[in-house]
């Protein structure tokens, strides 16, 4: 799990990012990301929370904030060739950007 605070000119944003190494990591990682998103943003639109938990694209605006969920498939077969007990390449990652709406 990573967080990036960004300020480009007058626009500020926060990007929460989670990496997933194997398919078995998806659900627990998505759940942790959704909980962190709620902690950072407070109120999160249902469509965004559902998209995070499913690892799907989504955009929504609520409470003066714009949310964008972006899943990135990095190496879909990453954990197929990793010996037991070792950490291989990232299978996918999910980024969630929160910025002022407008």
C-alpha atoms as a PDB file:
ATOM      1  CA  UNK A   1       0.000   0.000   0.000  1.00  0.00           C
ATOM      2  CA  UNK A   2       1.324   3.411  -0.947  1.00  0.00           C
ATOM      3  CA  UNK A   3       0.038   6.959  -0.725  1.00  0.00           C
ATOM      4  CA  UNK A   4       1.164   9.888  -2.849  1.00  0.00           C
ATOM      5  CA  UNK A   5       0.294  13.475  -2.018  1.00  0.00           C
ATOM      6  CA  UNK A   6       0.503  15.676  -5.093  1.00  0.00           C
ATOM      7  CA  UNK A   7       0.241  19.396  -5.683  1.00  0.00           C
ATOM      8  CA  UNK A   8       0.388  20.530  -9.297  1.00  0.00           C
ATOM      9  CA  UNK A   9      -0.229  24.257  -9.486  1.00  0.00           C
ATOM     10  CA  UNK A  10      -3.509  24.862  -7.697  1.00  0.00           C
ATOM     11  CA  UNK A  11      -4.697  21.239  -7.885  1.00  0.00           C
ATOM     12  CA  UNK A  12      -3.998  18.910  -4.994  1.00  0.00           C
ATOM     13  CA  UNK A  13      -4.641  15.208  -5.009  1.00  0.00           C
ATOM     14  CA  UNK A  14      -4.035  12.049  -3.057  1.00  0.00           C
ATOM     15  CA  UNK A  15      -3.363   8.753  -4.797  1.00  0.00           C
ATOM     16  CA  UNK A  16      -3.702   5.520  -2.858  1.00  0.00           C
ATOM     17  CA  UNK A  17      -2.090   2.571  -4.601  1.00  0.00           C
ATOM     18  CA  UNK A  18      -2.104  -1.128  -3.800  1.00  0.00           C
ATOM     19  CA  UNK A  19      -0.042  -3.830  -5.504  1.00  0.00           C
ATOM     20  CA  UNK A  20      -1.218  -7.416  -5.851  1.00  0.00           C
ATOM     21  CA  UNK A  21       1.226 -10.257  -6.408  1.00  0.00           C
ATOM     22  CA  UNK A  22      -1.082 -13.262  -6.757  1.00  0.00           C
ATOM     23  CA  UNK A  23      -4.786 -13.889  -7.327  1.00  0.00           C
ATOM     24  CA  UNK A  24      -5.211 -15.004  -3.707  1.00  0.00           C
ATOM     25  CA  UNK A  25      -4.102 -11.514  -2.616  1.00  0.00           C
ATOM     26  CA  UNK A  26      -6.844  -9.701  -4.552  1.00  0.00           C
ATOM     27  CA  UNK A  27      -9.760  -9.732  -2.093  1.00  0.00           C
ATOM     28  CA  UNK A  28      -7.784  -8.918   1.074  1.00  0.00           C
ATOM     29  CA  UNK A  29      -5.819  -6.197  -0.729  1.00  0.00           C
ATOM     30  CA  UNK A  30      -8.952  -4.632  -2.239  1.00  0.00           C
ATOM     31  CA  UNK A  31     -10.585  -4.637   1.216  1.00  0.00           C
ATOM     32  CA  UNK A  32      -7.592  -2.908   2.827  1.00  0.00           C
ATOM     33  CA  UNK A  33      -7.495  -0.333   0.013  1.00  0.00           C
ATOM     34  CA  UNK A  34     -11.221   0.385   0.427  1.00  0.00           C
ATOM     35  CA  UNK A  35     -10.812   0.843   4.193  1.00  0.00           C
ATOM     36  CA  UNK A  36      -7.855   3.197   3.725  1.00  0.00           C
ATOM     37  CA  UNK A  37      -9.810   5.167   1.134  1.00  0.00           C
ATOM     38  CA  UNK A  38     -12.652   5.636   3.616  1.00  0.00           C
ATOM     39  CA  UNK A  39     -10.155   6.705   6.273  1.00  0.00           C
ATOM     40  CA  UNK A  40      -8.580   9.302   3.973  1.00  0.00           C
ATOM     41  CA  UNK A  41     -11.720  10.649   2.277  1.00  0.00           C
ATOM     42  CA  UNK A  42     -14.296  10.084   4.984  1.00  0.00           C
ATOM     43  CA  UNK A  43     -17.363   9.478   2.875  1.00  0.00           C
ATOM     44  CA  UNK A  44     -16.856   7.451  -0.326  1.00  0.00           C
ATOM     45  CA  UNK A  45     -19.511   7.000  -3.029  1.00  0.00           C
ATOM     46  CA  UNK A  46     -20.912   3.456  -3.124  1.00  0.00           C
ATOM     47  CA  UNK A  47     -19.873   3.074  -6.783  1.00  0.00           C
ATOM     48  CA  UNK A  48     -16.256   3.868  -5.879  1.00  0.00           C
ATOM     49  CA  UNK A  49     -16.185   1.521  -2.884  1.00  0.00           C
ATOM     50  CA  UNK A  50     -17.656  -1.253  -5.077  1.00  0.00           C
ATOM     51  CA  UNK A  51     -15.142  -0.564  -7.861  1.00  0.00           C
ATOM     52  CA  UNK A  52     -12.213  -0.717  -5.437  1.00  0.00           C
ATOM     53  CA  UNK A  53     -13.434  -4.026  -3.978  1.00  0.00           C
ATOM     54  CA  UNK A  54     -13.849  -5.443  -7.505  1.00  0.00           C
ATOM     55  CA  UNK A  55     -10.669  -3.946  -8.979  1.00  0.00           C
ATOM     56  CA  UNK A  56     -12.660  -2.128 -11.699  1.00  0.00           C
ATOM     57  CA  UNK A  57     -12.474   1.317 -13.346  1.00  0.00           C
ATOM     58  CA  UNK A  58     -14.801   3.951 -11.932  1.00  0.00           C
ATOM     59  CA  UNK A  59     -15.229   7.697 -11.614  1.00  0.00           C
ATOM     60  CA  UNK A  60     -17.569   9.597  -9.305  1.00  0.00           C
ATOM     61  CA  UNK A  61     -17.954  12.954  -7.611  1.00  0.00           C
ATOM     62  CA  UNK A  62     -19.381  13.475  -4.131  1.00  0.00           C
ATOM     63  CA  UNK A  63     -18.982  15.906  -1.281  1.00  0.00           C
ATOM     64  CA  UNK A  64     -16.808  18.255  -3.342  1.00  0.00           C
ATOM     65  CA  UNK A  65     -14.338  15.489  -4.203  1.00  0.00           C
ATOM     66  CA  UNK A  66     -13.664  13.631  -7.451  1.00  0.00           C
ATOM     67  CA  UNK A  67     -12.718   9.960  -7.184  1.00  0.00           C
ATOM     68  CA  UNK A  68     -11.134   7.802  -9.873  1.00  0.00           C
ATOM     69  CA  UNK A  69     -10.294   4.101  -9.604  1.00  0.00           C
ATOM     70  CA  UNK A  70      -7.746   2.787 -12.114  1.00  0.00           C
ATOM     71  CA  UNK A  71      -6.737  -0.891 -12.120  1.00  0.00           C
ATOM     72  CA  UNK A  72      -3.538  -1.727 -14.020  1.00  0.00           C
ATOM     73  CA  UNK A  73      -2.792  -5.273 -15.144  1.00  0.00           C
ATOM     74  CA  UNK A  74       0.988  -5.580 -14.848  1.00  0.00           C
ATOM     75  CA  UNK A  75       1.728  -9.305 -15.283  1.00  0.00           C
ATOM     76  CA  UNK A  76      -1.435 -11.478 -15.128  1.00  0.00           C
ATOM     77  CA  UNK A  77       0.687 -14.649 -14.848  1.00  0.00           C
ATOM     78  CA  UNK A  78       3.103 -13.239 -12.267  1.00  0.00           C
ATOM     79  CA  UNK A  79       2.592 -15.852  -9.570  1.00  0.00           C
ATOM     80  CA  UNK A  80       2.509 -18.874 -11.859  1.00  0.00           C
ATOM     81  CA  UNK A  81       6.294 -19.073 -12.127  1.00  0.00           C
ATOM     82  CA  UNK A  82       7.363 -18.086  -8.624  1.00  0.00           C
ATOM     83  CA  UNK A  83       8.783 -20.772  -6.331  1.00  0.00           C
ATOM     84  CA  UNK A  84       6.915 -21.327  -3.070  1.00  0.00           C
ATOM     85  CA  UNK A  85       7.884 -18.859  -0.369  1.00  0.00           C
ATOM     86  CA  UNK A  86       9.276 -16.277  -2.807  1.00  0.00           C
ATOM     87  CA  UNK A  87       7.836 -12.984  -3.959  1.00  0.00           C
ATOM     88  CA  UNK A  88       7.660 -12.538  -7.711  1.00  0.00           C
ATOM     89  CA  UNK A  89       6.646  -9.650  -9.927  1.00  0.00           C
ATOM     90  CA  UNK A  90       3.484  -7.634  -9.366  1.00  0.00           C
ATOM     91  CA  UNK A  91       0.386  -9.149 -10.971  1.00  0.00           C
ATOM     92  CA  UNK A  92      -1.695  -5.955 -10.899  1.00  0.00           C
ATOM     93  CA  UNK A  93      -2.109  -2.707  -9.041  1.00  0.00           C
ATOM     94  CA  UNK A  94      -5.056  -0.465  -8.277  1.00  0.00           C
ATOM     95  CA  UNK A  95      -4.746   3.299  -7.954  1.00  0.00           C
ATOM     96  CA  UNK A  96      -7.429   5.522  -6.443  1.00  0.00           C
ATOM     97  CA  UNK A  97      -7.091   9.267  -6.967  1.00  0.00           C
ATOM     98  CA  UNK A  98      -8.963  11.750  -4.801  1.00  0.00           C
ATOM     99  CA  UNK A  99      -8.959  15.418  -5.808  1.00  0.00           C
ATOM    100  CA  UNK A 100     -11.184  18.454  -5.443  1.00  0.00           C
ATOM    101  CA  UNK A 101     -14.137  18.268  -7.838  1.00  0.00           C
ATOM    102  CA  UNK A 102     -14.400  20.860 -10.531  1.00  0.00           C
END
